[in-house]
């Protein structure tokens, strides 16, 4: 898709595309409303400008749209609409040994129980072992710290997905 095509999509179609990048409507709707974008830099600039306006409830909606790291079945089934944009994001988990995937699952379960949302990490370019290490490093954090860190990871993921749109 070209930037011009994104700029001229019907609003409902553009909203769907932006939700595939970040599911929080408090972010996606203003992205639609801010069109047309003069450049990819302007698109990313608007995305960055909207992050501070999001509240915890918005971030939780965005996090909910992600599969658990290492849960490849969930990635394929539940999130089929984002499959094209998410392709490669968990490639490190796809080739991980079974024991590492099990430890990721166990760590994700502990993380979810502690924080009330799944572990969010920009997995692009990271091995399953690296993601597992990051998960273990973040488990001792407070919920407030994790919301902030996960939001920053969500922003990274969203920018990668925006690039994939164009």
N, C-alpha and C. Protein backbone atom coordinates (compact mmCIF):
# COMPACT_ATOMS: atom_id res chain seq x y z
N UNK A 1 0.84 -1.17 0.00
CA UNK A 1 0.00 0.00 0.00
C UNK A 1 0.89 1.24 0.00
N UNK A 2 0.45 2.25 -0.70
CA UNK A 2 1.18 3.50 -0.69
C UNK A 2 0.59 4.43 0.36
N UNK A 3 1.32 5.45 0.69
CA UNK A 3 0.82 6.45 1.63
C UNK A 3 -0.44 7.11 1.08
N UNK A 4 -0.46 7.38 -0.21
CA UNK A 4 -1.64 7.97 -0.84
C UNK A 4 -2.85 7.07 -0.68
N UNK A 5 -2.65 5.77 -0.86
CA UNK A 5 -3.77 4.83 -0.69
C UNK A 5 -4.26 4.83 0.75
N UNK A 6 -3.33 4.86 1.70
CA UNK A 6 -3.72 4.92 3.11
C UNK A 6 -4.51 6.20 3.39
N UNK A 7 -4.05 7.29 2.82
CA UNK A 7 -4.72 8.57 3.03
C UNK A 7 -6.14 8.61 2.48
N UNK A 8 -6.41 7.84 1.44
CA UNK A 8 -7.71 7.91 0.77
C UNK A 8 -8.63 6.74 1.08
N UNK A 9 -8.20 5.82 1.92
CA UNK A 9 -9.07 4.71 2.30
C UNK A 9 -10.31 5.24 3.00
N UNK A 10 -11.44 4.56 2.83
CA UNK A 10 -12.59 4.91 3.67
C UNK A 10 -12.20 4.81 5.14
N UNK A 11 -12.79 5.66 5.95
CA UNK A 11 -12.41 5.74 7.37
C UNK A 11 -12.48 4.40 8.07
N UNK A 12 -13.53 3.62 7.81
CA UNK A 12 -13.67 2.33 8.50
C UNK A 12 -12.54 1.38 8.13
N UNK A 13 -12.11 1.39 6.88
CA UNK A 13 -11.00 0.53 6.46
C UNK A 13 -9.68 1.01 7.07
N UNK A 14 -9.49 2.30 7.11
CA UNK A 14 -8.28 2.85 7.71
C UNK A 14 -8.24 2.53 9.21
N UNK A 15 -9.39 2.62 9.87
CA UNK A 15 -9.45 2.31 11.29
C UNK A 15 -9.05 0.86 11.54
N UNK A 16 -9.53 -0.05 10.71
CA UNK A 16 -9.15 -1.46 10.84
C UNK A 16 -7.64 -1.63 10.71
N UNK A 17 -7.05 -0.97 9.72
CA UNK A 17 -5.60 -1.07 9.54
C UNK A 17 -4.84 -0.51 10.74
N UNK A 18 -5.26 0.63 11.23
CA UNK A 18 -4.57 1.23 12.38
C UNK A 18 -4.78 0.38 13.63
N UNK A 19 -5.97 -0.22 13.79
CA UNK A 19 -6.18 -1.12 14.94
C UNK A 19 -5.27 -2.34 14.85
N UNK A 20 -4.94 -2.78 13.63
CA UNK A 20 -4.01 -3.89 13.49
C UNK A 20 -2.61 -3.50 13.96
N UNK A 21 -2.31 -2.22 13.92
CA UNK A 21 -1.02 -1.73 14.41
C UNK A 21 -1.04 -1.53 15.92
N UNK A 22 -2.14 -1.02 16.43
CA UNK A 22 -2.34 -0.81 17.87
C UNK A 22 -3.84 -0.80 18.10
N UNK A 23 -4.33 -1.74 18.89
CA UNK A 23 -5.77 -1.96 19.03
C UNK A 23 -6.50 -0.90 19.85
N UNK A 24 -5.79 0.00 20.48
CA UNK A 24 -6.45 1.02 21.31
C UNK A 24 -7.13 2.06 20.41
N UNK A 25 -8.44 2.13 20.49
CA UNK A 25 -9.17 3.11 19.67
C UNK A 25 -8.77 4.55 20.00
N UNK A 26 -8.35 4.79 21.24
CA UNK A 26 -7.90 6.14 21.60
C UNK A 26 -6.66 6.55 20.82
N UNK A 27 -5.96 5.58 20.24
CA UNK A 27 -4.84 5.85 19.35
C UNK A 27 -5.26 5.72 17.90
N UNK A 28 -5.97 4.65 17.56
CA UNK A 28 -6.31 4.35 16.17
C UNK A 28 -7.23 5.40 15.54
N UNK A 29 -8.25 5.83 16.26
CA UNK A 29 -9.19 6.80 15.69
C UNK A 29 -8.53 8.13 15.37
N UNK A 30 -7.73 8.68 16.28
CA UNK A 30 -7.03 9.92 15.91
C UNK A 30 -6.05 9.74 14.75
N UNK A 31 -5.50 8.54 14.60
CA UNK A 31 -4.64 8.29 13.43
C UNK A 31 -5.45 8.40 12.14
N UNK A 32 -6.67 7.89 12.16
CA UNK A 32 -7.56 8.02 11.00
C UNK A 32 -7.91 9.49 10.78
N UNK A 33 -8.29 10.16 11.85
CA UNK A 33 -8.74 11.54 11.76
C UNK A 33 -7.64 12.51 11.35
N UNK A 34 -6.39 12.13 11.56
CA UNK A 34 -5.25 13.01 11.23
C UNK A 34 -4.81 12.91 9.78
N UNK A 35 -5.41 12.03 9.02
CA UNK A 35 -5.06 11.92 7.60
C UNK A 35 -5.49 13.19 6.88
N UNK A 36 -4.86 13.56 5.81
CA UNK A 36 -3.80 12.84 5.10
C UNK A 36 -2.42 13.10 5.71
N UNK A 37 -1.56 12.13 5.53
CA UNK A 37 -0.17 12.24 5.95
C UNK A 37 0.68 12.60 4.75
N UNK A 38 1.55 13.58 4.93
CA UNK A 38 2.41 14.04 3.84
C UNK A 38 3.58 13.10 3.59
N UNK A 39 3.93 12.33 4.63
CA UNK A 39 5.10 11.44 4.52
C UNK A 39 5.01 10.36 5.59
N UNK A 40 5.84 9.35 5.44
CA UNK A 40 5.93 8.31 6.46
C UNK A 40 6.40 8.92 7.78
N UNK A 41 7.27 9.91 7.70
CA UNK A 41 7.74 10.58 8.92
C UNK A 41 6.58 11.28 9.63
N UNK A 42 5.69 11.88 8.87
CA UNK A 42 4.52 12.54 9.47
C UNK A 42 3.59 11.52 10.12
N UNK A 43 3.44 10.37 9.48
CA UNK A 43 2.63 9.28 10.04
C UNK A 43 3.21 8.85 11.39
N UNK A 44 4.52 8.61 11.42
CA UNK A 44 5.16 8.21 12.68
C UNK A 44 5.13 9.34 13.71
N UNK A 45 5.27 10.56 13.26
CA UNK A 45 5.22 11.69 14.18
C UNK A 45 3.87 11.80 14.87
N UNK A 46 2.80 11.58 14.12
CA UNK A 46 1.46 11.60 14.72
C UNK A 46 1.31 10.47 15.72
N UNK A 47 1.79 9.29 15.34
CA UNK A 47 1.73 8.15 16.26
C UNK A 47 2.44 8.48 17.57
N UNK A 48 3.64 9.04 17.47
CA UNK A 48 4.41 9.40 18.67
C UNK A 48 3.69 10.47 19.50
N UNK A 49 3.08 11.42 18.83
CA UNK A 49 2.40 12.50 19.54
C UNK A 49 1.17 12.01 20.30
N UNK A 50 0.59 10.90 19.87
CA UNK A 50 -0.61 10.38 20.52
C UNK A 50 -0.31 9.54 21.76
N UNK A 51 0.89 8.95 21.84
CA UNK A 51 1.19 8.06 22.97
C UNK A 51 0.92 8.70 24.32
N UNK A 52 1.36 9.95 24.57
CA UNK A 52 1.14 10.52 25.92
C UNK A 52 -0.34 10.72 26.27
N UNK A 53 -1.22 10.69 25.26
CA UNK A 53 -2.65 10.88 25.52
C UNK A 53 -3.34 9.59 25.99
N UNK A 54 -2.66 8.47 25.88
CA UNK A 54 -3.28 7.20 26.24
C UNK A 54 -3.21 6.97 27.75
N UNK A 55 -4.26 6.34 28.24
CA UNK A 55 -4.37 6.02 29.66
C UNK A 55 -4.19 4.51 29.85
N UNK A 56 -4.09 4.10 31.08
CA UNK A 56 -3.86 2.68 31.36
C UNK A 56 -4.90 1.80 30.67
N UNK A 57 -6.16 2.20 30.70
CA UNK A 57 -7.19 1.37 30.06
C UNK A 57 -6.94 1.22 28.56
N UNK A 58 -6.44 2.26 27.92
CA UNK A 58 -6.12 2.19 26.49
C UNK A 58 -4.97 1.21 26.25
N UNK A 59 -3.94 1.30 27.08
CA UNK A 59 -2.81 0.39 26.93
C UNK A 59 -3.25 -1.05 27.12
N UNK A 60 -4.12 -1.29 28.10
CA UNK A 60 -4.58 -2.65 28.35
C UNK A 60 -5.35 -3.21 27.15
N UNK A 61 -6.12 -2.36 26.48
CA UNK A 61 -6.80 -2.78 25.25
C UNK A 61 -5.76 -3.16 24.19
N UNK A 62 -4.74 -2.34 24.04
CA UNK A 62 -3.67 -2.62 23.07
C UNK A 62 -2.95 -3.92 23.41
N UNK A 63 -2.66 -4.13 24.69
CA UNK A 63 -1.95 -5.35 25.09
C UNK A 63 -2.79 -6.59 24.83
N UNK A 64 -4.10 -6.47 25.04
CA UNK A 64 -5.00 -7.61 24.88
C UNK A 64 -5.00 -8.14 23.45
N UNK A 65 -4.64 -7.31 22.50
CA UNK A 65 -4.65 -7.72 21.09
C UNK A 65 -3.42 -8.52 20.70
N UNK A 66 -2.53 -8.77 21.64
CA UNK A 66 -1.30 -9.53 21.36
C UNK A 66 -1.42 -10.96 21.85
N UNK A 67 -0.82 -11.88 21.13
CA UNK A 67 -0.71 -13.24 21.67
C UNK A 67 0.40 -13.27 22.71
N UNK A 68 0.36 -14.26 23.56
CA UNK A 68 1.46 -14.44 24.50
C UNK A 68 2.71 -14.79 23.71
N UNK A 69 3.84 -14.25 24.14
CA UNK A 69 5.12 -14.61 23.52
C UNK A 69 5.31 -16.12 23.65
N UNK A 70 5.60 -16.74 22.51
CA UNK A 70 5.82 -18.18 22.50
C UNK A 70 4.57 -18.99 22.23
N UNK A 71 3.39 -18.34 22.26
CA UNK A 71 2.13 -19.06 22.02
C UNK A 71 1.81 -18.97 20.53
N UNK A 72 2.45 -19.81 19.74
CA UNK A 72 2.34 -19.76 18.30
C UNK A 72 0.94 -20.11 17.83
N UNK A 73 0.27 -21.07 18.51
CA UNK A 73 -1.11 -21.40 18.13
C UNK A 73 -2.00 -20.18 18.29
N UNK A 74 -1.83 -19.45 19.37
CA UNK A 74 -2.61 -18.24 19.59
C UNK A 74 -2.31 -17.20 18.52
N UNK A 75 -1.03 -17.07 18.18
CA UNK A 75 -0.62 -16.12 17.15
C UNK A 75 -1.33 -16.43 15.83
N UNK A 76 -1.42 -17.70 15.48
CA UNK A 76 -2.02 -18.09 14.20
C UNK A 76 -3.54 -18.02 14.23
N UNK A 77 -4.17 -18.41 15.32
CA UNK A 77 -5.62 -18.52 15.35
C UNK A 77 -6.31 -17.23 15.78
N UNK A 78 -6.05 -16.79 16.98
CA UNK A 78 -6.77 -15.65 17.53
C UNK A 78 -6.44 -14.35 16.83
N UNK A 79 -5.23 -14.22 16.30
CA UNK A 79 -4.79 -12.95 15.77
C UNK A 79 -4.57 -13.01 14.26
N UNK A 80 -5.41 -13.76 13.57
CA UNK A 80 -5.27 -13.91 12.12
C UNK A 80 -5.33 -12.57 11.40
N UNK A 81 -6.10 -11.61 11.91
CA UNK A 81 -6.23 -10.32 11.24
C UNK A 81 -4.93 -9.53 11.23
N UNK A 82 -4.06 -9.77 12.19
CA UNK A 82 -2.79 -9.05 12.24
C UNK A 82 -1.64 -9.90 11.75
N UNK A 83 -1.94 -11.08 11.20
CA UNK A 83 -0.87 -12.01 10.83
C UNK A 83 0.14 -11.40 9.88
N UNK A 84 -0.30 -10.67 8.87
CA UNK A 84 0.64 -10.09 7.91
C UNK A 84 1.54 -9.07 8.59
N UNK A 85 0.96 -8.23 9.44
CA UNK A 85 1.77 -7.21 10.11
C UNK A 85 2.64 -7.82 11.20
N UNK A 86 2.17 -8.88 11.83
CA UNK A 86 2.91 -9.49 12.93
C UNK A 86 3.93 -10.51 12.47
N UNK A 87 3.94 -10.81 11.18
CA UNK A 87 4.85 -11.84 10.69
C UNK A 87 6.29 -11.47 11.04
N UNK A 88 7.00 -12.42 11.56
CA UNK A 88 8.38 -12.20 11.93
C UNK A 88 8.57 -11.67 13.33
N UNK A 89 7.52 -11.17 13.96
CA UNK A 89 7.68 -10.58 15.29
C UNK A 89 8.09 -11.63 16.32
N UNK A 90 7.63 -12.85 16.15
CA UNK A 90 7.98 -13.90 17.10
C UNK A 90 8.75 -15.02 16.43
N UNK A 91 9.49 -14.68 15.40
CA UNK A 91 10.22 -15.73 14.68
C UNK A 91 11.21 -16.44 15.59
N UNK A 92 11.75 -15.76 16.58
CA UNK A 92 12.67 -16.40 17.51
C UNK A 92 11.99 -17.48 18.33
N UNK A 93 10.70 -17.28 18.64
CA UNK A 93 9.96 -18.28 19.40
C UNK A 93 9.57 -19.46 18.52
N UNK A 94 9.42 -19.23 17.23
CA UNK A 94 9.02 -20.32 16.34
C UNK A 94 10.08 -21.41 16.22
N UNK A 95 11.34 -21.06 16.44
CA UNK A 95 12.41 -22.04 16.30
C UNK A 95 13.01 -22.42 17.65
N UNK A 96 12.36 -22.06 18.73
CA UNK A 96 12.89 -22.31 20.06
C UNK A 96 12.70 -23.77 20.46
N UNK A 97 13.60 -24.28 21.28
CA UNK A 97 13.42 -25.63 21.82
C UNK A 97 12.16 -25.68 22.69
N UNK A 98 11.57 -26.84 22.77
CA UNK A 98 10.33 -27.02 23.52
C UNK A 98 10.47 -26.59 24.98
N UNK A 99 11.62 -26.87 25.61
CA UNK A 99 11.78 -26.50 27.02
C UNK A 99 11.80 -24.98 27.20
N UNK A 100 12.35 -24.27 26.24
CA UNK A 100 12.36 -22.80 26.33
C UNK A 100 10.94 -22.27 26.15
N UNK A 101 10.20 -22.84 25.21
CA UNK A 101 8.81 -22.42 25.02
C UNK A 101 7.98 -22.70 26.27
N UNK A 102 8.25 -23.82 26.93
CA UNK A 102 7.52 -24.13 28.16
C UNK A 102 7.86 -23.12 29.25
N UNK A 103 9.14 -22.75 29.35
CA UNK A 103 9.54 -21.74 30.35
C UNK A 103 8.94 -20.38 30.01
N UNK A 104 8.83 -20.05 28.71
CA UNK A 104 8.16 -18.81 28.31
C UNK A 104 6.69 -18.85 28.73
N UNK A 105 6.04 -19.98 28.50
CA UNK A 105 4.64 -20.11 28.88
C UNK A 105 4.49 -19.94 30.39
N UNK A 106 5.34 -20.63 31.15
CA UNK A 106 5.26 -20.54 32.61
C UNK A 106 5.53 -19.11 33.09
N UNK A 107 6.54 -18.47 32.49
CA UNK A 107 6.84 -17.08 32.84
C UNK A 107 5.70 -16.14 32.48
N UNK A 108 5.10 -16.35 31.32
CA UNK A 108 3.96 -15.54 30.92
C UNK A 108 2.79 -15.71 31.88
N UNK A 109 2.56 -16.95 32.31
CA UNK A 109 1.47 -17.20 33.26
C UNK A 109 1.73 -16.47 34.57
N UNK A 110 2.97 -16.51 35.06
CA UNK A 110 3.33 -15.80 36.30
C UNK A 110 3.18 -14.30 36.13
N UNK A 111 3.60 -13.80 34.96
CA UNK A 111 3.52 -12.37 34.66
C UNK A 111 2.06 -11.93 34.64
N UNK A 112 1.22 -12.68 33.93
CA UNK A 112 -0.20 -12.36 33.85
C UNK A 112 -0.85 -12.35 35.23
N UNK A 113 -0.51 -13.34 36.03
CA UNK A 113 -1.07 -13.42 37.39
C UNK A 113 -0.65 -12.22 38.22
N UNK A 114 0.60 -11.80 38.10
CA UNK A 114 1.10 -10.69 38.90
C UNK A 114 0.58 -9.34 38.42
N UNK A 115 0.59 -9.11 37.11
CA UNK A 115 0.30 -7.78 36.59
C UNK A 115 -1.10 -7.61 36.01
N UNK A 116 -1.75 -8.70 35.66
CA UNK A 116 -3.10 -8.60 35.11
C UNK A 116 -3.15 -8.38 33.62
N UNK A 117 -2.01 -8.45 32.96
CA UNK A 117 -1.94 -8.36 31.49
C UNK A 117 -0.73 -9.17 31.05
N UNK A 118 -0.74 -9.52 29.74
CA UNK A 118 0.33 -10.37 29.24
C UNK A 118 1.64 -9.60 29.08
N UNK A 119 2.71 -10.33 29.03
CA UNK A 119 4.05 -9.78 28.83
C UNK A 119 4.14 -9.22 27.41
N UNK A 120 4.42 -7.93 27.31
CA UNK A 120 4.56 -7.27 26.02
C UNK A 120 6.03 -6.91 25.83
N UNK A 121 6.57 -7.39 24.72
CA UNK A 121 7.95 -7.08 24.37
C UNK A 121 8.02 -6.99 22.85
N UNK A 122 8.79 -6.06 22.35
CA UNK A 122 9.03 -6.00 20.91
C UNK A 122 9.97 -7.16 20.59
N UNK A 123 9.40 -8.23 20.07
CA UNK A 123 10.13 -9.48 19.89
C UNK A 123 10.96 -9.52 18.61
N UNK A 124 10.77 -8.55 17.75
CA UNK A 124 11.49 -8.55 16.47
C UNK A 124 12.99 -8.60 16.72
N UNK A 125 13.63 -9.59 16.12
CA UNK A 125 15.07 -9.74 16.22
C UNK A 125 15.56 -10.39 17.50
N UNK A 126 14.65 -10.81 18.36
CA UNK A 126 15.05 -11.43 19.63
C UNK A 126 14.81 -12.93 19.57
N UNK A 127 15.73 -13.68 20.15
CA UNK A 127 15.54 -15.12 20.27
C UNK A 127 14.58 -15.39 21.43
N UNK A 128 14.07 -16.60 21.47
CA UNK A 128 13.20 -17.00 22.57
C UNK A 128 13.94 -16.88 23.90
N UNK A 129 15.21 -17.25 23.89
CA UNK A 129 16.00 -17.15 25.12
C UNK A 129 16.14 -15.70 25.57
N UNK A 130 16.32 -14.77 24.64
CA UNK A 130 16.41 -13.36 24.99
C UNK A 130 15.09 -12.85 25.56
N UNK A 131 13.98 -13.27 24.94
CA UNK A 131 12.68 -12.85 25.45
C UNK A 131 12.43 -13.41 26.85
N UNK A 132 12.85 -14.65 27.06
CA UNK A 132 12.70 -15.27 28.38
C UNK A 132 13.52 -14.51 29.42
N UNK A 133 14.73 -14.13 29.06
CA UNK A 133 15.57 -13.36 29.98
C UNK A 133 14.92 -12.01 30.30
N UNK A 134 14.38 -11.32 29.29
CA UNK A 134 13.70 -10.04 29.53
C UNK A 134 12.49 -10.23 30.43
N UNK A 135 11.74 -11.29 30.21
CA UNK A 135 10.58 -11.57 31.05
C UNK A 135 11.00 -11.73 32.51
N UNK A 136 12.06 -12.52 32.73
CA UNK A 136 12.54 -12.72 34.10
C UNK A 136 13.08 -11.43 34.72
N UNK A 137 13.71 -10.58 33.92
CA UNK A 137 14.21 -9.30 34.43
C UNK A 137 13.07 -8.39 34.85
N UNK A 138 11.94 -8.48 34.14
CA UNK A 138 10.82 -7.58 34.41
C UNK A 138 9.85 -8.08 35.46
N UNK A 139 9.86 -9.35 35.78
CA UNK A 139 8.93 -9.88 36.77
C UNK A 139 9.01 -9.20 38.14
N UNK A 140 10.18 -8.80 38.62
CA UNK A 140 10.23 -8.13 39.93
C UNK A 140 9.65 -6.70 39.94
N UNK A 141 9.39 -6.12 38.78
CA UNK A 141 8.91 -4.74 38.70
C UNK A 141 7.54 -4.58 39.36
N UNK A 142 7.19 -3.33 39.62
CA UNK A 142 5.84 -3.02 40.09
C UNK A 142 4.92 -2.97 38.87
N UNK A 143 3.62 -3.00 39.14
CA UNK A 143 2.65 -2.93 38.04
C UNK A 143 2.79 -1.60 37.29
N UNK A 144 3.00 -0.53 38.01
CA UNK A 144 3.15 0.79 37.39
C UNK A 144 4.36 0.82 36.46
N UNK A 145 5.48 0.24 36.92
CA UNK A 145 6.67 0.16 36.07
C UNK A 145 6.38 -0.67 34.81
N UNK A 146 5.68 -1.76 35.00
CA UNK A 146 5.40 -2.64 33.86
C UNK A 146 4.43 -2.02 32.86
N UNK A 147 3.46 -1.27 33.32
CA UNK A 147 2.57 -0.57 32.38
C UNK A 147 3.41 0.35 31.51
N UNK A 148 4.31 1.10 32.14
CA UNK A 148 5.16 2.04 31.42
C UNK A 148 6.08 1.32 30.43
N UNK A 149 6.72 0.25 30.87
CA UNK A 149 7.64 -0.49 30.00
C UNK A 149 6.87 -1.16 28.86
N UNK A 150 5.75 -1.80 29.20
CA UNK A 150 4.96 -2.48 28.17
C UNK A 150 4.41 -1.47 27.16
N UNK A 151 4.03 -0.28 27.62
CA UNK A 151 3.55 0.76 26.71
C UNK A 151 4.66 1.17 25.74
N UNK A 152 5.87 1.30 26.24
CA UNK A 152 6.99 1.65 25.36
C UNK A 152 7.26 0.52 24.35
N UNK A 153 7.13 -0.72 24.78
CA UNK A 153 7.29 -1.85 23.86
C UNK A 153 6.17 -1.86 22.82
N UNK A 154 4.94 -1.55 23.26
CA UNK A 154 3.82 -1.46 22.33
C UNK A 154 4.09 -0.40 21.28
N UNK A 155 4.64 0.72 21.69
CA UNK A 155 4.95 1.78 20.73
C UNK A 155 5.96 1.30 19.69
N UNK A 156 6.98 0.57 20.13
CA UNK A 156 7.97 0.04 19.18
C UNK A 156 7.30 -0.90 18.18
N UNK A 157 6.45 -1.78 18.69
CA UNK A 157 5.74 -2.74 17.83
C UNK A 157 4.88 -1.98 16.83
N UNK A 158 4.18 -0.98 17.30
CA UNK A 158 3.29 -0.21 16.44
C UNK A 158 4.06 0.48 15.32
N UNK A 159 5.19 1.06 15.63
CA UNK A 159 5.99 1.72 14.58
C UNK A 159 6.48 0.71 13.53
N UNK A 160 6.86 -0.47 13.98
CA UNK A 160 7.27 -1.51 13.03
C UNK A 160 6.10 -1.88 12.13
N UNK A 161 4.92 -2.00 12.71
CA UNK A 161 3.74 -2.35 11.94
C UNK A 161 3.32 -1.23 10.99
N UNK A 162 3.47 0.00 11.42
CA UNK A 162 3.19 1.14 10.52
C UNK A 162 4.08 1.06 9.29
N UNK A 163 5.36 0.76 9.51
CA UNK A 163 6.27 0.62 8.37
C UNK A 163 5.83 -0.49 7.42
N UNK A 164 5.28 -1.55 7.97
CA UNK A 164 4.83 -2.67 7.14
C UNK A 164 3.57 -2.33 6.34
N UNK A 165 2.82 -1.33 6.81
CA UNK A 165 1.63 -0.91 6.06
C UNK A 165 2.01 -0.32 4.70
N UNK A 166 3.11 0.40 4.68
CA UNK A 166 3.48 1.15 3.48
C UNK A 166 4.46 0.41 2.60
